[in-house]
Amino acid sequence: MFSKHPPFLWNKPSHLICNLSVFYYFYAINKTVTTMIYRFTIISDEVDDFVREIQIDPEATFFDLHEAILKAANYTNDQMTSFFICDDDWEKEKEITLEEMDNNPEMDSWIMKETRLNELIEDEKQKLLYVFDYMTERCFFIELSEIITGKEIKGAKCTKKSGEAPKQTVDFEEMAAGGGSLDLDENFYGDQDFDMEDFDAEGFDVNDGATGGGSSYDEDKF
């Protein structure tokens, strides 16, 4: 199979050389094929110019992505949160919770710290919701914009940033005093007409870099 064996195979029995050669070959092939980076684009339904892009190792957990989102949005880590794997119409299919919860027997659920990203996310354009305000179910819309092959990254990194994040939690008393209201009907999120491409027309490109006050940068890994 190989014209020359690696030095550590010299003077070994032929059957051992064959077995180790096959192992070495497939290990090298597997290492090359599985080296990749997930690039997620994150937007908000509340703030039009809010965009975050996070690049992360597919072997990282949903908890790692959760921490990266919190840091990119300057949020605290004292709130209950969940990810939802969605179909193309943003309908929830699977839930990944911060803590173990059995509150929805009709939906499969996983725990963030125990679930790697590539266990549930395999294809580009996969849609997710990240619920950061559990009481009102306010959330970010997330899409796996690109799978970058042939490269690797340790941990996660925020690589693009535009706009200020929406408030992490809603103060109902403040909203009531200001005469505001929060419509949380079934169409508030998960609207089937919602499309990531709609945000390109608002004055920035979520794929090629943010404009209109945004910036492209590398933060410290987290």
Protein backbone atom coordinates (compact mmCIF):
# COMPACT_ATOMS: atom_id res chain seq x y z
CA MET A 1 0.00 0.00 0.00
CA PHE A 2 2.91 2.34 0.79
CA SER A 3 6.15 2.46 -1.20
CA LYS A 4 8.00 3.29 2.01
CA HIS A 5 6.97 2.49 5.55
CA PRO A 6 7.48 4.98 8.38
CA PRO A 7 10.73 4.37 10.35
CA PHE A 8 8.86 2.99 13.36
CA LEU A 9 7.74 0.03 11.18
CA TRP A 10 11.23 -1.07 10.18
CA ASN A 11 12.24 -4.55 11.35
CA LYS A 12 8.65 -5.43 12.29
CA PRO A 13 6.83 -8.64 11.19
CA SER A 14 5.12 -8.25 7.83
CA HIS A 15 1.60 -8.82 9.20
CA LEU A 16 2.15 -6.17 11.86
CA ILE A 17 3.46 -3.77 9.23
CA CYS A 18 0.34 -4.37 7.14
CA ASN A 19 -2.06 -3.81 10.05
CA LEU A 20 -0.28 -0.70 11.26
CA SER A 21 -0.04 0.66 7.73
CA VAL A 22 -3.79 0.29 7.22
CA PHE A 23 -4.44 1.96 10.59
CA TYR A 24 -2.05 4.81 9.78
CA TYR A 25 -3.66 5.31 6.35
CA PHE A 26 -7.23 5.49 7.61
CA TYR A 27 -6.23 7.63 10.60
CA ALA A 28 -4.66 10.15 8.21
CA ILE A 29 -7.71 10.09 5.93
CA ASN A 30 -10.12 10.50 8.85
CA LYS A 31 -8.10 13.36 10.36
CA THR A 32 -8.13 15.22 7.06
CA VAL A 33 -11.85 14.73 6.40
CA THR A 34 -13.09 15.66 9.87
CA THR A 35 -11.03 18.84 10.28
CA MET A 36 -13.56 21.66 9.97
CA ILE A 37 -15.08 24.77 11.52
CA TYR A 38 -18.74 25.68 11.95
CA ARG A 39 -19.56 29.32 11.14
CA PHE A 40 -22.84 30.44 12.73
CA THR A 41 -24.65 33.70 11.93
CA ILE A 42 -26.82 35.08 14.75
CA ILE A 43 -29.48 37.77 14.29
CA SER A 44 -32.31 39.29 16.33
CA ASP A 45 -35.96 39.90 15.57
CA GLU A 46 -35.87 42.92 17.91
CA VAL A 47 -32.79 44.84 16.72
CA ASP A 48 -32.48 45.07 12.94
CA ASP A 49 -28.75 45.75 12.76
CA PHE A 50 -27.72 43.17 15.37
CA VAL A 51 -25.42 40.52 13.89
CA ARG A 52 -22.91 38.20 15.48
CA GLU A 53 -20.83 35.59 13.73
CA ILE A 54 -19.26 32.80 15.76
CA GLN A 55 -16.80 30.23 14.51
CA ILE A 56 -16.51 27.09 16.61
CA ASP A 57 -15.18 23.55 16.59
CA PRO A 58 -17.95 21.07 15.61
CA GLU A 59 -16.71 18.84 18.44
CA ALA A 60 -17.49 21.60 20.95
CA THR A 61 -20.65 21.28 23.01
CA PHE A 62 -23.81 23.34 22.89
CA PHE A 63 -22.69 24.72 26.25
CA ASP A 64 -19.56 26.09 24.58
CA LEU A 65 -21.72 27.79 21.94
CA HIS A 66 -24.02 29.08 24.70
CA GLU A 67 -21.07 30.70 26.48
CA ALA A 68 -19.77 32.18 23.22
CA ILE A 69 -23.15 33.78 22.48
CA LEU A 70 -23.40 35.25 25.97
CA LYS A 71 -19.96 36.82 25.66
CA ALA A 72 -20.62 38.11 22.13
CA ALA A 73 -23.85 39.77 23.31
CA ASN A 74 -22.39 40.97 26.63
CA TYR A 75 -24.99 38.99 28.55
CA THR A 76 -24.64 37.56 32.05
CA ASN A 77 -24.69 33.83 32.64
CA ASP A 78 -27.38 33.78 35.32
CA GLN A 79 -30.42 33.05 33.13
CA MET A 80 -32.05 29.83 31.99
CA THR A 81 -31.53 29.27 28.27
CA SER A 82 -32.28 26.69 25.60
CA PHE A 83 -31.36 25.88 22.02
CA PHE A 84 -33.94 24.53 19.60
CA ILE A 85 -33.08 22.67 16.42
CA CYS A 86 -35.60 23.88 13.81
CA ASP A 87 -36.80 22.90 10.39
CA ASP A 88 -36.68 25.24 7.39
CA ASP A 89 -39.80 27.04 8.64
CA TRP A 90 -38.35 27.65 12.12
CA GLU A 91 -40.61 25.03 13.67
CA LYS A 92 -39.00 23.59 16.79
CA GLU A 93 -37.95 19.94 16.56
CA LYS A 94 -35.39 19.26 19.30
CA GLU A 95 -34.53 21.11 22.51
CA ILE A 96 -31.10 21.36 24.12
CA THR A 97 -31.45 22.68 27.66
CA LEU A 98 -28.98 24.23 30.07
CA GLU A 99 -30.14 21.90 32.82
CA GLU A 100 -31.98 18.60 32.70
CA MET A 101 -35.70 19.28 32.26
CA ASP A 102 -38.62 17.00 31.46
CA ASN A 103 -41.28 19.63 30.90
CA ASN A 104 -42.13 18.69 27.31
CA PRO A 105 -42.62 14.94 26.79
CA GLU A 106 -43.64 15.53 23.16
CA MET A 107 -40.19 16.90 22.18
CA ASP A 108 -36.83 15.14 22.34
CA SER A 109 -34.40 16.98 24.59
CA TRP A 110 -30.70 17.00 25.32
CA ILE A 111 -28.41 18.74 27.83
CA MET A 112 -25.93 21.37 26.58
CA LYS A 113 -22.86 20.12 28.42
CA GLU A 114 -23.43 16.54 27.26
CA THR A 115 -24.22 17.22 23.59
CA ARG A 116 -21.67 18.02 20.91
CA LEU A 117 -22.69 20.31 18.07
CA ASN A 118 -22.04 17.75 15.36
CA GLU A 119 -24.34 15.25 17.06
CA LEU A 120 -27.38 17.31 16.03
CA ILE A 121 -26.04 19.69 13.37
CA GLU A 122 -24.59 18.27 10.16
CA ASP A 123 -25.68 20.42 7.23
CA GLU A 124 -25.17 24.03 6.17
CA LYS A 125 -28.24 26.28 6.53
CA GLN A 126 -29.41 24.34 9.59
CA LYS A 127 -31.62 26.68 11.62
CA LEU A 128 -31.64 27.05 15.40
CA LEU A 129 -33.25 29.24 18.02
CA TYR A 130 -31.41 30.33 21.15
CA VAL A 131 -33.87 31.34 23.86
CA PHE A 132 -32.03 33.76 26.14
CA ASP A 133 -35.04 35.14 28.07
CA TYR A 134 -36.85 32.05 29.23
CA MET A 135 -39.82 33.83 30.82
CA THR A 136 -40.87 35.51 27.56
CA GLU A 137 -39.21 33.08 25.11
CA ARG A 138 -37.31 35.92 23.45
CA CYS A 139 -34.59 34.46 21.30
CA PHE A 140 -31.91 34.80 18.65
CA PHE A 141 -32.24 33.27 15.19
CA ILE A 142 -29.18 31.22 14.26
CA GLU A 143 -28.11 29.62 11.01
CA LEU A 144 -25.12 27.44 10.22
CA SER A 145 -23.92 29.68 7.40
CA GLU A 146 -20.85 27.67 6.42
CA ILE A 147 -18.90 24.53 7.18
CA ILE A 148 -15.26 25.44 6.63
CA THR A 149 -13.33 22.29 5.77
CA GLY A 150 -9.61 21.72 6.03
CA LYS A 151 -9.24 24.11 8.98
CA GLU A 152 -9.59 23.77 12.72
CA ILE A 153 -10.20 25.99 15.72
CA LYS A 154 -9.88 25.47 19.44
CA GLY A 155 -12.97 26.52 21.33
CA ALA A 156 -15.03 29.37 19.85
CA LYS A 157 -14.38 32.84 18.49
CA CYS A 158 -16.62 35.81 17.65
CA THR A 159 -15.38 36.96 14.25
CA LYS A 160 -18.00 39.53 13.18
CA LYS A 161 -20.05 41.99 15.21
CA SER A 162 -22.64 44.62 14.35
CA GLY A 163 -25.20 46.49 16.42
CA GLU A 164 -26.12 46.36 20.09
CA ALA A 165 -27.76 43.26 21.49
CA PRO A 166 -31.36 43.53 22.72
CA LYS A 167 -31.92 43.68 26.46
CA GLN A 168 -31.24 40.31 28.00
CA THR A 169 -34.44 40.34 30.05
CA VAL A 170 -37.66 42.31 29.73
CA ASP A 171 -38.80 44.52 32.61
CA PHE A 172 -42.57 44.16 32.45
CA GLU A 173 -43.17 46.94 34.99
CA GLU A 174 -41.05 49.36 32.97
CA MET A 175 -42.87 48.43 29.78
CA ALA A 176 -46.26 48.90 31.46
CA ALA A 177 -45.22 52.33 32.80
CA GLY A 178 -44.15 53.37 29.32
CA GLY A 179 -47.37 52.18 27.80
CA GLY A 180 -45.59 49.41 25.93
CA SER A 181 -46.83 45.93 25.37
CA LEU A 182 -45.22 42.64 24.51
CA ASP A 183 -47.07 40.49 22.00
CA LEU A 184 -46.13 36.90 22.71
CA ASP A 185 -48.62 35.15 20.48
CA GLU A 186 -47.66 32.13 18.41
CA ASN A 187 -46.39 34.33 15.57
CA PHE A 188 -44.02 36.44 17.70
CA TYR A 189 -41.26 33.93 16.89
CA GLY A 190 -41.25 30.99 14.56
CA ASP A 191 -42.96 32.89 11.75
CA GLN A 192 -42.80 30.70 8.67
CA ASP A 193 -42.26 33.78 6.50
CA PHE A 194 -39.12 34.76 8.40
CA ASP A 195 -35.99 34.44 6.24
CA MET A 196 -32.34 35.08 7.11
CA GLU A 197 -31.90 36.66 3.65
CA ASP A 198 -34.37 39.41 4.57
CA PHE A 199 -31.74 40.97 6.79
CA ASP A 200 -29.31 41.57 3.91
CA ALA A 201 -31.60 44.29 2.59
CA GLU A 202 -31.39 46.23 5.84
CA GLY A 203 -27.98 47.63 4.99
CA PHE A 204 -25.49 44.91 5.81
CA ASP A 205 -24.38 41.54 4.52
CA VAL A 206 -24.30 38.74 7.06
CA ASN A 207 -22.00 36.68 4.85
CA ASP A 208 -19.35 39.08 3.64
CA GLY A 209 -19.01 41.43 6.58
CA ALA A 210 -21.16 43.89 8.49
CA THR A 211 -21.52 47.50 7.48
CA GLY A 212 -23.34 50.48 8.85
CA GLY A 213 -21.30 50.71 12.07
CA GLY A 214 -20.41 47.04 12.27
CA SER A 215 -16.94 45.60 12.35
CA SER A 216 -15.05 42.47 11.46
CA TYR A 217 -12.67 41.37 14.19
CA ASP A 218 -11.19 38.52 16.15
CA GLU A 219 -11.99 38.34 19.85
CA ASP A 220 -10.09 36.26 22.35
CA LYS A 221 -11.20 32.65 22.18
CA PHE A 222 -13.76 31.64 24.74
